[in-house]
Amino acid sequence: MNANQLINMITRMFVRKVVNKGLNAGIDRVSGGGKSRDQMTDAERSQARKGKQAARTARKAARITRRVGKF
């Protein structure tokens, strides 16, 4: 391996980690509720739960898309 390949490999690893953290932070911010559980009504709790599940699904989809994009 030459120096250019090593630099590219390290850069890709770093960028991948930064993008993952950014995606996760953005998804958490969008899906997160502003209230604590005891301040929520039953409907708000249900909606927050669905939001968390949707965030989990979005995270999995993003992970799969990145994996497929490598090829």
N, C-alpha and C. Protein backbone atom coordinates (compact mmCIF):
# COMPACT_ATOMS: atom_id res chain seq x y z
N MET A 1 0.84 -1.18 0.00
CA MET A 1 0.00 0.00 0.00
C MET A 1 0.88 1.24 0.00
N ASN A 2 0.54 2.18 -0.85
CA ASN A 2 1.32 3.40 -0.86
C ASN A 2 0.68 4.44 0.06
N ALA A 3 1.35 5.57 0.18
CA ALA A 3 0.90 6.61 1.11
C ALA A 3 -0.47 7.16 0.73
N ASN A 4 -0.73 7.30 -0.56
CA ASN A 4 -2.01 7.85 -1.01
C ASN A 4 -3.16 6.94 -0.59
N GLN A 5 -2.99 5.64 -0.73
CA GLN A 5 -4.03 4.70 -0.34
C GLN A 5 -4.28 4.74 1.17
N LEU A 6 -3.21 4.84 1.95
CA LEU A 6 -3.36 4.93 3.40
C LEU A 6 -4.12 6.19 3.80
N ILE A 7 -3.75 7.31 3.19
CA ILE A 7 -4.43 8.57 3.50
C ILE A 7 -5.90 8.49 3.13
N ASN A 8 -6.20 7.92 1.96
CA ASN A 8 -7.59 7.77 1.54
C ASN A 8 -8.37 6.89 2.50
N MET A 9 -7.76 5.80 2.94
CA MET A 9 -8.43 4.87 3.85
C MET A 9 -8.75 5.55 5.18
N ILE A 10 -7.78 6.26 5.73
CA ILE A 10 -7.98 6.94 7.02
C ILE A 10 -9.01 8.05 6.88
N THR A 11 -8.95 8.78 5.77
CA THR A 11 -9.93 9.85 5.54
C THR A 11 -11.33 9.28 5.43
N ARG A 12 -11.50 8.18 4.70
CA ARG A 12 -12.82 7.56 4.56
C ARG A 12 -13.36 7.10 5.91
N MET A 13 -12.49 6.51 6.73
CA MET A 13 -12.93 6.05 8.06
C MET A 13 -13.40 7.24 8.90
N PHE A 14 -12.63 8.32 8.88
CA PHE A 14 -12.98 9.50 9.66
C PHE A 14 -14.29 10.11 9.18
N VAL A 15 -14.44 10.27 7.88
CA VAL A 15 -15.65 10.87 7.31
C VAL A 15 -16.86 9.99 7.61
N ARG A 16 -16.71 8.68 7.53
CA ARG A 16 -17.82 7.76 7.82
C ARG A 16 -18.29 7.93 9.26
N LYS A 17 -17.34 8.03 10.20
CA LYS A 17 -17.73 8.20 11.60
C LYS A 17 -18.43 9.52 11.84
N VAL A 18 -17.94 10.59 11.21
CA VAL A 18 -18.55 11.91 11.38
C VAL A 18 -19.95 11.93 10.78
N VAL A 19 -20.12 11.35 9.61
CA VAL A 19 -21.43 11.31 8.96
C VAL A 19 -22.41 10.50 9.81
N ASN A 20 -21.96 9.37 10.33
CA ASN A 20 -22.83 8.55 11.19
C ASN A 20 -23.29 9.33 12.42
N LYS A 21 -22.36 10.02 13.07
CA LYS A 21 -22.73 10.79 14.26
C LYS A 21 -23.69 11.91 13.90
N GLY A 22 -23.46 12.56 12.77
CA GLY A 22 -24.35 13.64 12.33
C GLY A 22 -25.75 13.13 12.02
N LEU A 23 -25.83 12.01 11.33
CA LEU A 23 -27.13 11.42 11.01
C LEU A 23 -27.87 11.03 12.29
N ASN A 24 -27.17 10.37 13.18
CA ASN A 24 -27.82 9.94 14.43
C ASN A 24 -28.28 11.14 15.25
N ALA A 25 -27.46 12.18 15.32
CA ALA A 25 -27.84 13.37 16.09
C ALA A 25 -29.05 14.05 15.47
N GLY A 26 -29.08 14.14 14.15
CA GLY A 26 -30.21 14.77 13.47
C GLY A 26 -31.49 13.98 13.65
N ILE A 27 -31.40 12.68 13.52
CA ILE A 27 -32.58 11.83 13.69
C ILE A 27 -33.09 11.91 15.13
N ASP A 28 -32.18 11.90 16.09
CA ASP A 28 -32.59 12.00 17.49
C ASP A 28 -33.25 13.34 17.77
N ARG A 29 -32.72 14.40 17.19
CA ARG A 29 -33.29 15.73 17.44
C ARG A 29 -34.69 15.83 16.86
N VAL A 30 -34.88 15.28 15.67
CA VAL A 30 -36.19 15.35 15.03
C VAL A 30 -37.21 14.49 15.77
N SER A 31 -36.80 13.31 16.21
CA SER A 31 -37.75 12.38 16.81
C SER A 31 -37.95 12.59 18.30
N GLY A 32 -37.04 13.28 18.96
CA GLY A 32 -37.12 13.42 20.41
C GLY A 32 -38.21 14.36 20.85
N GLY A 33 -38.92 13.97 21.89
CA GLY A 33 -39.95 14.83 22.46
C GLY A 33 -39.33 15.81 23.44
N GLY A 34 -39.98 16.92 23.70
CA GLY A 34 -39.44 17.93 24.59
C GLY A 34 -39.80 17.70 26.05
N LYS A 35 -40.78 16.86 26.31
CA LYS A 35 -41.27 16.66 27.67
C LYS A 35 -40.74 15.35 28.24
N SER A 36 -40.76 15.27 29.58
CA SER A 36 -40.42 14.00 30.20
C SER A 36 -41.66 13.10 30.18
N ARG A 37 -41.48 11.83 30.45
CA ARG A 37 -42.58 10.87 30.33
C ARG A 37 -43.75 11.19 31.27
N ASP A 38 -43.45 11.64 32.48
CA ASP A 38 -44.54 11.90 33.43
C ASP A 38 -45.34 13.15 33.08
N GLN A 39 -44.80 14.03 32.25
CA GLN A 39 -45.53 15.23 31.83
C GLN A 39 -46.38 14.98 30.58
N MET A 40 -46.18 13.84 29.92
CA MET A 40 -46.89 13.54 28.68
C MET A 40 -48.25 12.91 28.95
N THR A 41 -49.18 13.14 28.04
CA THR A 41 -50.44 12.42 28.08
C THR A 41 -50.22 11.07 27.41
N ASP A 42 -51.22 10.20 27.49
CA ASP A 42 -51.09 8.88 26.87
C ASP A 42 -50.88 8.99 25.37
N ALA A 43 -51.60 9.91 24.74
CA ALA A 43 -51.46 10.09 23.29
C ALA A 43 -50.06 10.58 22.93
N GLU A 44 -49.52 11.50 23.74
CA GLU A 44 -48.17 12.00 23.48
C GLU A 44 -47.14 10.90 23.67
N ARG A 45 -47.33 10.06 24.69
CA ARG A 45 -46.41 8.95 24.91
C ARG A 45 -46.43 7.99 23.73
N SER A 46 -47.62 7.70 23.25
CA SER A 46 -47.75 6.80 22.11
C SER A 46 -47.08 7.40 20.88
N GLN A 47 -47.27 8.70 20.67
CA GLN A 47 -46.66 9.35 19.52
C GLN A 47 -45.14 9.37 19.65
N ALA A 48 -44.63 9.61 20.87
CA ALA A 48 -43.19 9.61 21.09
C ALA A 48 -42.60 8.22 20.82
N ARG A 49 -43.34 7.18 21.25
CA ARG A 49 -42.88 5.81 21.02
C ARG A 49 -42.80 5.52 19.52
N LYS A 50 -43.84 5.95 18.79
CA LYS A 50 -43.84 5.74 17.34
C LYS A 50 -42.71 6.52 16.68
N GLY A 51 -42.43 7.70 17.19
CA GLY A 51 -41.33 8.50 16.65
C GLY A 51 -39.99 7.82 16.87
N LYS A 52 -39.81 7.26 18.05
CA LYS A 52 -38.56 6.53 18.33
C LYS A 52 -38.42 5.32 17.41
N GLN A 53 -39.52 4.60 17.19
CA GLN A 53 -39.48 3.44 16.29
C GLN A 53 -39.16 3.88 14.87
N ALA A 54 -39.75 4.99 14.44
CA ALA A 54 -39.47 5.51 13.10
C ALA A 54 -38.01 5.93 12.98
N ALA A 55 -37.47 6.51 14.05
CA ALA A 55 -36.07 6.91 14.04
C ALA A 55 -35.17 5.69 13.94
N ARG A 56 -35.53 4.64 14.67
CA ARG A 56 -34.75 3.40 14.60
C ARG A 56 -34.77 2.83 13.19
N THR A 57 -35.94 2.84 12.57
CA THR A 57 -36.08 2.33 11.21
C THR A 57 -35.28 3.18 10.24
N ALA A 58 -35.32 4.50 10.42
CA ALA A 58 -34.57 5.40 9.54
C ALA A 58 -33.07 5.17 9.69
N ARG A 59 -32.63 4.93 10.93
CA ARG A 59 -31.21 4.68 11.16
C ARG A 59 -30.77 3.39 10.46
N LYS A 60 -31.61 2.35 10.56
CA LYS A 60 -31.30 1.08 9.89
C LYS A 60 -31.26 1.26 8.39
N ALA A 61 -32.22 2.02 7.85
CA ALA A 61 -32.25 2.26 6.40
C ALA A 61 -31.01 3.02 5.95
N ALA A 62 -30.60 4.01 6.73
CA ALA A 62 -29.40 4.77 6.38
C ALA A 62 -28.17 3.87 6.41
N ARG A 63 -28.10 2.98 7.39
CA ARG A 63 -26.97 2.06 7.50
C ARG A 63 -26.92 1.13 6.29
N ILE A 64 -28.07 0.60 5.91
CA ILE A 64 -28.13 -0.31 4.76
C ILE A 64 -27.77 0.43 3.48
N THR A 65 -28.27 1.67 3.34
CA THR A 65 -27.96 2.46 2.15
C THR A 65 -26.47 2.72 2.05
N ARG A 66 -25.85 3.05 3.17
CA ARG A 66 -24.39 3.29 3.14
C ARG A 66 -23.65 2.01 2.78
N ARG A 67 -24.13 0.88 3.30
CA ARG A 67 -23.48 -0.40 3.00
C ARG A 67 -23.60 -0.73 1.52
N VAL A 68 -24.77 -0.52 0.95
CA VAL A 68 -24.99 -0.79 -0.47
C VAL A 68 -24.19 0.19 -1.32
N GLY A 69 -24.06 1.43 -0.85
CA GLY A 69 -23.35 2.46 -1.61
C GLY A 69 -21.87 2.19 -1.75
N LYS A 70 -21.32 1.31 -0.92
CA LYS A 70 -19.89 1.00 -1.00
C LYS A 70 -19.56 0.22 -2.27
N PHE A 71 -20.52 -0.51 -2.80
CA PHE A 71 -20.25 -1.38 -3.94
C PHE A 71 -20.45 -0.70 -5.22
